[in-house]
Amino acid sequence: MDIEELLKLLKDELLKVLGESYSDYKKETKKDIEAFLEISKVKLERWTSLLASKDLTVKDYQWLLESQKDLLVLNALYQAGVSKLRLGHLKNKIIKTIVNTVVAAVL
């Protein structure tokens, strides 16, 4: 799968996840998601290739994504007063969505 197609698919899926709980901040969270995907693009491409070639397990892929969690800055929601605990849960949901989407697309 082409990395640009994958990034578009991930962006669409992540916006759905955020829209479920934070539809009032859709425009702002879209910028945060796009920034995260852009920052992580090279690593996502490398890790996804390794996953597709079965050189990485799904568990390893998820672990690598979780190492990127600090790069996932949800400024719009933080500034809106969403608690750090809720943001942490949301980040976990985002990582899980990325893993599930990538696994469905490449395996």
N, C-alpha and C. Protein backbone atom coordinates (compact mmCIF):
# COMPACT_ATOMS: atom_id res chain seq x y z
N MET A 1 0.84 -1.19 0.00
CA MET A 1 0.00 0.00 0.00
C MET A 1 0.88 1.25 0.00
N ASP A 2 0.50 2.21 -0.78
CA ASP A 2 1.19 3.49 -0.87
C ASP A 2 1.05 4.25 0.46
N ILE A 3 2.14 4.85 0.92
CA ILE A 3 2.12 5.54 2.22
C ILE A 3 1.14 6.71 2.22
N GLU A 4 1.02 7.41 1.10
CA GLU A 4 0.09 8.54 1.05
C GLU A 4 -1.36 8.07 1.20
N GLU A 5 -1.68 6.95 0.55
CA GLU A 5 -3.03 6.37 0.70
C GLU A 5 -3.27 5.94 2.14
N LEU A 6 -2.26 5.33 2.74
CA LEU A 6 -2.37 4.88 4.12
C LEU A 6 -2.57 6.06 5.06
N LEU A 7 -1.82 7.13 4.87
CA LEU A 7 -1.95 8.31 5.72
C LEU A 7 -3.34 8.93 5.58
N LYS A 8 -3.87 8.96 4.37
CA LYS A 8 -5.21 9.48 4.16
C LYS A 8 -6.25 8.61 4.87
N LEU A 9 -6.09 7.30 4.74
CA LEU A 9 -6.99 6.37 5.42
C LEU A 9 -6.91 6.56 6.94
N LEU A 10 -5.70 6.67 7.46
CA LEU A 10 -5.52 6.87 8.90
C LEU A 10 -6.15 8.19 9.35
N LYS A 11 -5.92 9.24 8.58
CA LYS A 11 -6.50 10.54 8.94
C LYS A 11 -8.02 10.45 9.00
N ASP A 12 -8.63 9.81 8.00
CA ASP A 12 -10.08 9.66 7.98
C ASP A 12 -10.58 8.88 9.19
N GLU A 13 -9.90 7.78 9.51
CA GLU A 13 -10.31 6.96 10.65
C GLU A 13 -10.13 7.70 11.97
N LEU A 14 -9.04 8.42 12.10
CA LEU A 14 -8.78 9.15 13.35
C LEU A 14 -9.75 10.31 13.53
N LEU A 15 -10.12 10.95 12.45
CA LEU A 15 -11.11 12.02 12.55
C LEU A 15 -12.48 11.48 12.95
N LYS A 16 -12.78 10.27 12.51
CA LYS A 16 -14.03 9.63 12.95
C LYS A 16 -13.99 9.39 14.46
N VAL A 17 -12.87 8.87 14.93
CA VAL A 17 -12.72 8.59 16.37
C VAL A 17 -12.87 9.88 17.18
N LEU A 18 -12.19 10.93 16.75
CA LEU A 18 -12.27 12.19 17.47
C LEU A 18 -13.65 12.82 17.34
N GLY A 19 -14.27 12.64 16.20
CA GLY A 19 -15.61 13.20 15.98
C GLY A 19 -16.66 12.59 16.88
N GLU A 20 -16.44 11.35 17.29
CA GLU A 20 -17.40 10.68 18.17
C GLU A 20 -17.54 11.40 19.50
N SER A 21 -16.44 11.88 20.02
CA SER A 21 -16.45 12.50 21.34
C SER A 21 -16.24 14.01 21.33
N TYR A 22 -15.59 14.51 20.29
CA TYR A 22 -15.19 15.91 20.29
C TYR A 22 -15.56 16.60 18.97
N SER A 23 -16.77 16.41 18.53
CA SER A 23 -17.19 16.97 17.24
C SER A 23 -17.13 18.50 17.22
N ASP A 24 -17.25 19.14 18.38
CA ASP A 24 -17.18 20.60 18.44
C ASP A 24 -15.80 21.13 18.07
N TYR A 25 -14.79 20.27 18.15
CA TYR A 25 -13.41 20.69 17.90
C TYR A 25 -12.83 20.00 16.66
N LYS A 26 -13.69 19.61 15.74
CA LYS A 26 -13.25 18.83 14.59
C LYS A 26 -12.16 19.55 13.78
N LYS A 27 -12.36 20.82 13.50
CA LYS A 27 -11.38 21.56 12.70
C LYS A 27 -10.03 21.63 13.40
N GLU A 28 -10.06 21.90 14.69
CA GLU A 28 -8.82 22.02 15.45
C GLU A 28 -8.11 20.68 15.60
N THR A 29 -8.87 19.63 15.90
CA THR A 29 -8.25 18.32 16.09
C THR A 29 -7.72 17.78 14.77
N LYS A 30 -8.33 18.18 13.66
CA LYS A 30 -7.83 17.75 12.34
C LYS A 30 -6.40 18.22 12.16
N LYS A 31 -6.10 19.46 12.56
CA LYS A 31 -4.74 19.99 12.45
C LYS A 31 -3.77 19.19 13.31
N ASP A 32 -4.20 18.83 14.52
CA ASP A 32 -3.35 18.06 15.42
C ASP A 32 -3.05 16.67 14.85
N ILE A 33 -4.07 16.02 14.28
CA ILE A 33 -3.90 14.69 13.69
C ILE A 33 -2.98 14.77 12.48
N GLU A 34 -3.20 15.75 11.63
CA GLU A 34 -2.34 15.92 10.45
C GLU A 34 -0.89 16.15 10.85
N ALA A 35 -0.68 16.95 11.88
CA ALA A 35 0.69 17.22 12.36
C ALA A 35 1.34 15.93 12.87
N PHE A 36 0.61 15.15 13.64
CA PHE A 36 1.15 13.89 14.16
C PHE A 36 1.51 12.95 13.01
N LEU A 37 0.62 12.81 12.05
CA LEU A 37 0.88 11.90 10.93
C LEU A 37 2.07 12.38 10.10
N GLU A 38 2.21 13.68 9.95
CA GLU A 38 3.35 14.22 9.19
C GLU A 38 4.67 13.97 9.93
N ILE A 39 4.66 14.21 11.23
CA ILE A 39 5.87 13.97 12.04
C ILE A 39 6.26 12.50 12.03
N SER A 40 5.26 11.63 12.02
CA SER A 40 5.49 10.19 12.12
C SER A 40 5.56 9.48 10.77
N LYS A 41 5.44 10.21 9.70
CA LYS A 41 5.32 9.62 8.36
C LYS A 41 6.43 8.62 8.03
N VAL A 42 7.67 9.02 8.22
CA VAL A 42 8.80 8.16 7.87
C VAL A 42 8.79 6.88 8.70
N LYS A 43 8.57 7.03 10.00
CA LYS A 43 8.54 5.85 10.86
C LYS A 43 7.35 4.96 10.54
N LEU A 44 6.18 5.56 10.31
CA LEU A 44 5.00 4.76 9.95
C LEU A 44 5.25 3.97 8.68
N GLU A 45 5.88 4.60 7.71
CA GLU A 45 6.18 3.91 6.45
C GLU A 45 7.12 2.73 6.69
N ARG A 46 8.17 2.96 7.44
CA ARG A 46 9.15 1.90 7.72
C ARG A 46 8.50 0.76 8.51
N TRP A 47 7.81 1.12 9.59
CA TRP A 47 7.21 0.10 10.44
C TRP A 47 6.11 -0.67 9.71
N THR A 48 5.34 0.02 8.88
CA THR A 48 4.27 -0.65 8.15
C THR A 48 4.85 -1.62 7.12
N SER A 49 5.95 -1.23 6.49
CA SER A 49 6.62 -2.14 5.55
C SER A 49 7.12 -3.39 6.27
N LEU A 50 7.70 -3.18 7.44
CA LEU A 50 8.18 -4.32 8.23
C LEU A 50 7.03 -5.21 8.68
N LEU A 51 5.90 -4.60 9.04
CA LEU A 51 4.73 -5.38 9.43
C LEU A 51 4.19 -6.17 8.25
N ALA A 52 4.11 -5.54 7.10
CA ALA A 52 3.59 -6.20 5.90
C ALA A 52 4.47 -7.38 5.48
N SER A 53 5.79 -7.23 5.68
CA SER A 53 6.71 -8.31 5.31
C SER A 53 6.89 -9.33 6.44
N LYS A 54 6.11 -9.13 7.50
CA LYS A 54 6.12 -10.01 8.67
C LYS A 54 7.45 -10.02 9.43
N ASP A 55 8.21 -8.93 9.26
CA ASP A 55 9.44 -8.77 10.04
C ASP A 55 9.14 -8.14 11.40
N LEU A 56 7.91 -7.66 11.56
CA LEU A 56 7.40 -7.13 12.84
C LEU A 56 6.09 -7.83 13.14
N THR A 57 5.88 -8.11 14.41
CA THR A 57 4.57 -8.63 14.81
C THR A 57 3.64 -7.44 15.05
N VAL A 58 2.35 -7.72 15.12
CA VAL A 58 1.38 -6.66 15.42
C VAL A 58 1.68 -6.06 16.79
N LYS A 59 2.06 -6.91 17.73
CA LYS A 59 2.39 -6.44 19.07
C LYS A 59 3.59 -5.49 19.04
N ASP A 60 4.62 -5.84 18.28
CA ASP A 60 5.80 -4.97 18.14
C ASP A 60 5.41 -3.65 17.48
N TYR A 61 4.57 -3.73 16.46
CA TYR A 61 4.12 -2.53 15.75
C TYR A 61 3.38 -1.60 16.72
N GLN A 62 2.52 -2.17 17.52
CA GLN A 62 1.78 -1.36 18.49
C GLN A 62 2.74 -0.74 19.50
N TRP A 63 3.71 -1.49 19.96
CA TRP A 63 4.68 -0.97 20.92
C TRP A 63 5.44 0.21 20.32
N LEU A 64 5.85 0.07 19.06
CA LEU A 64 6.56 1.17 18.39
C LEU A 64 5.67 2.41 18.27
N LEU A 65 4.41 2.22 17.94
CA LEU A 65 3.48 3.35 17.86
C LEU A 65 3.30 4.02 19.21
N GLU A 66 3.22 3.22 20.25
CA GLU A 66 3.06 3.78 21.59
C GLU A 66 4.27 4.61 21.99
N SER A 67 5.43 4.29 21.41
CA SER A 67 6.62 5.09 21.69
C SER A 67 6.50 6.49 21.08
N GLN A 68 5.59 6.66 20.15
CA GLN A 68 5.36 7.95 19.49
C GLN A 68 4.29 8.78 20.21
N LYS A 69 3.71 8.24 21.25
CA LYS A 69 2.57 8.88 21.90
C LYS A 69 2.86 10.32 22.34
N ASP A 70 4.08 10.59 22.76
CA ASP A 70 4.42 11.94 23.20
C ASP A 70 4.39 12.95 22.05
N LEU A 71 4.54 12.46 20.83
CA LEU A 71 4.47 13.34 19.66
C LEU A 71 3.04 13.71 19.31
N LEU A 72 2.10 12.95 19.86
CA LEU A 72 0.68 13.19 19.59
C LEU A 72 0.18 14.26 20.55
N VAL A 73 0.25 15.49 20.10
CA VAL A 73 -0.14 16.62 20.92
C VAL A 73 -1.52 17.08 20.47
N LEU A 74 -2.47 17.00 21.37
CA LEU A 74 -3.84 17.39 21.07
C LEU A 74 -4.09 18.77 21.68
N ASN A 75 -3.44 19.76 21.09
CA ASN A 75 -3.49 21.12 21.62
C ASN A 75 -4.91 21.66 21.73
N ALA A 76 -5.70 21.45 20.71
CA ALA A 76 -7.06 22.02 20.70
C ALA A 76 -7.87 21.50 21.88
N LEU A 77 -7.77 20.22 22.14
CA LEU A 77 -8.54 19.64 23.25
C LEU A 77 -7.96 20.04 24.60
N TYR A 78 -6.64 20.12 24.67
CA TYR A 78 -6.00 20.54 25.91
C TYR A 78 -6.40 21.98 26.26
N GLN A 79 -6.37 22.84 25.25
CA GLN A 79 -6.75 24.24 25.49
C GLN A 79 -8.23 24.38 25.81
N ALA A 80 -9.03 23.42 25.36
CA ALA A 80 -10.46 23.46 25.65
C ALA A 80 -10.77 22.96 27.06
N GLY A 81 -9.73 22.49 27.76
CA GLY A 81 -9.93 22.08 29.14
C GLY A 81 -10.15 20.60 29.35
N VAL A 82 -9.90 19.81 28.32
CA VAL A 82 -10.03 18.36 28.48
C VAL A 82 -8.91 17.89 29.41
N SER A 83 -9.26 17.06 30.37
CA SER A 83 -8.29 16.63 31.37
C SER A 83 -7.18 15.78 30.76
N LYS A 84 -6.04 15.78 31.42
CA LYS A 84 -4.91 14.98 30.95
C LYS A 84 -5.26 13.50 30.94
N LEU A 85 -6.07 13.08 31.88
CA LEU A 85 -6.49 11.68 31.93
C LEU A 85 -7.30 11.31 30.69
N ARG A 86 -8.27 12.16 30.35
CA ARG A 86 -9.08 11.91 29.15
C ARG A 86 -8.23 11.97 27.89
N LEU A 87 -7.27 12.90 27.84
CA LEU A 87 -6.38 12.98 26.69
C LEU A 87 -5.53 11.71 26.58
N GLY A 88 -5.10 11.19 27.71
CA GLY A 88 -4.34 9.94 27.71
C GLY A 88 -5.15 8.78 27.17
N HIS A 89 -6.41 8.69 27.60
CA HIS A 89 -7.30 7.64 27.08
C HIS A 89 -7.52 7.82 25.58
N LEU A 90 -7.67 9.06 25.15
CA LEU A 90 -7.88 9.34 23.74
C LEU A 90 -6.65 8.97 22.93
N LYS A 91 -5.47 9.27 23.44
CA LYS A 91 -4.25 8.89 22.74
C LYS A 91 -4.16 7.37 22.59
N ASN A 92 -4.53 6.64 23.64
CA ASN A 92 -4.54 5.18 23.56
C ASN A 92 -5.52 4.70 22.49
N LYS A 93 -6.68 5.34 22.42
CA LYS A 93 -7.67 4.98 21.42
C LYS A 93 -7.15 5.28 20.02
N ILE A 94 -6.44 6.38 19.87
CA ILE A 94 -5.86 6.74 18.57
C ILE A 94 -4.82 5.71 18.14
N ILE A 95 -3.95 5.31 19.06
CA ILE A 95 -2.93 4.30 18.75
C ILE A 95 -3.61 3.00 18.34
N LYS A 96 -4.63 2.60 19.08
CA LYS A 96 -5.34 1.36 18.77
C LYS A 96 -6.01 1.45 17.39
N THR A 97 -6.56 2.60 17.07
CA THR A 97 -7.19 2.80 15.77
C THR A 97 -6.15 2.71 14.65
N ILE A 98 -4.98 3.30 14.86
CA ILE A 98 -3.92 3.22 13.85
C ILE A 98 -3.53 1.76 13.64
N VAL A 99 -3.30 1.04 14.72
CA VAL A 99 -2.91 -0.37 14.60
C VAL A 99 -3.98 -1.16 13.85
N ASN A 100 -5.22 -1.03 14.26
CA ASN A 100 -6.30 -1.78 13.61
C ASN A 100 -6.45 -1.42 12.14
N THR A 101 -6.33 -0.15 11.82
CA THR A 101 -6.46 0.29 10.43
C THR A 101 -5.31 -0.24 9.57
N VAL A 102 -4.10 -0.14 10.08
CA VAL A 102 -2.93 -0.61 9.33
C VAL A 102 -2.98 -2.13 9.16
N VAL A 103 -3.31 -2.85 10.21
CA VAL A 103 -3.39 -4.31 10.12
C VAL A 103 -4.43 -4.72 9.07
N ALA A 104 -5.58 -4.06 9.08
CA ALA A 104 -6.62 -4.38 8.10
C ALA A 104 -6.17 -4.05 6.67
N ALA A 105 -5.34 -3.01 6.54
CA ALA A 105 -4.93 -2.58 5.20
C ALA A 105 -3.78 -3.41 4.63
N VAL A 106 -2.87 -3.89 5.47
CA VAL A 106 -1.67 -4.53 4.94
C VAL A 106 -1.55 -6.03 5.19
N LEU A 107 -2.31 -6.56 6.11
CA LEU A 107 -2.17 -7.99 6.38
C LEU A 107 -3.31 -8.80 5.79
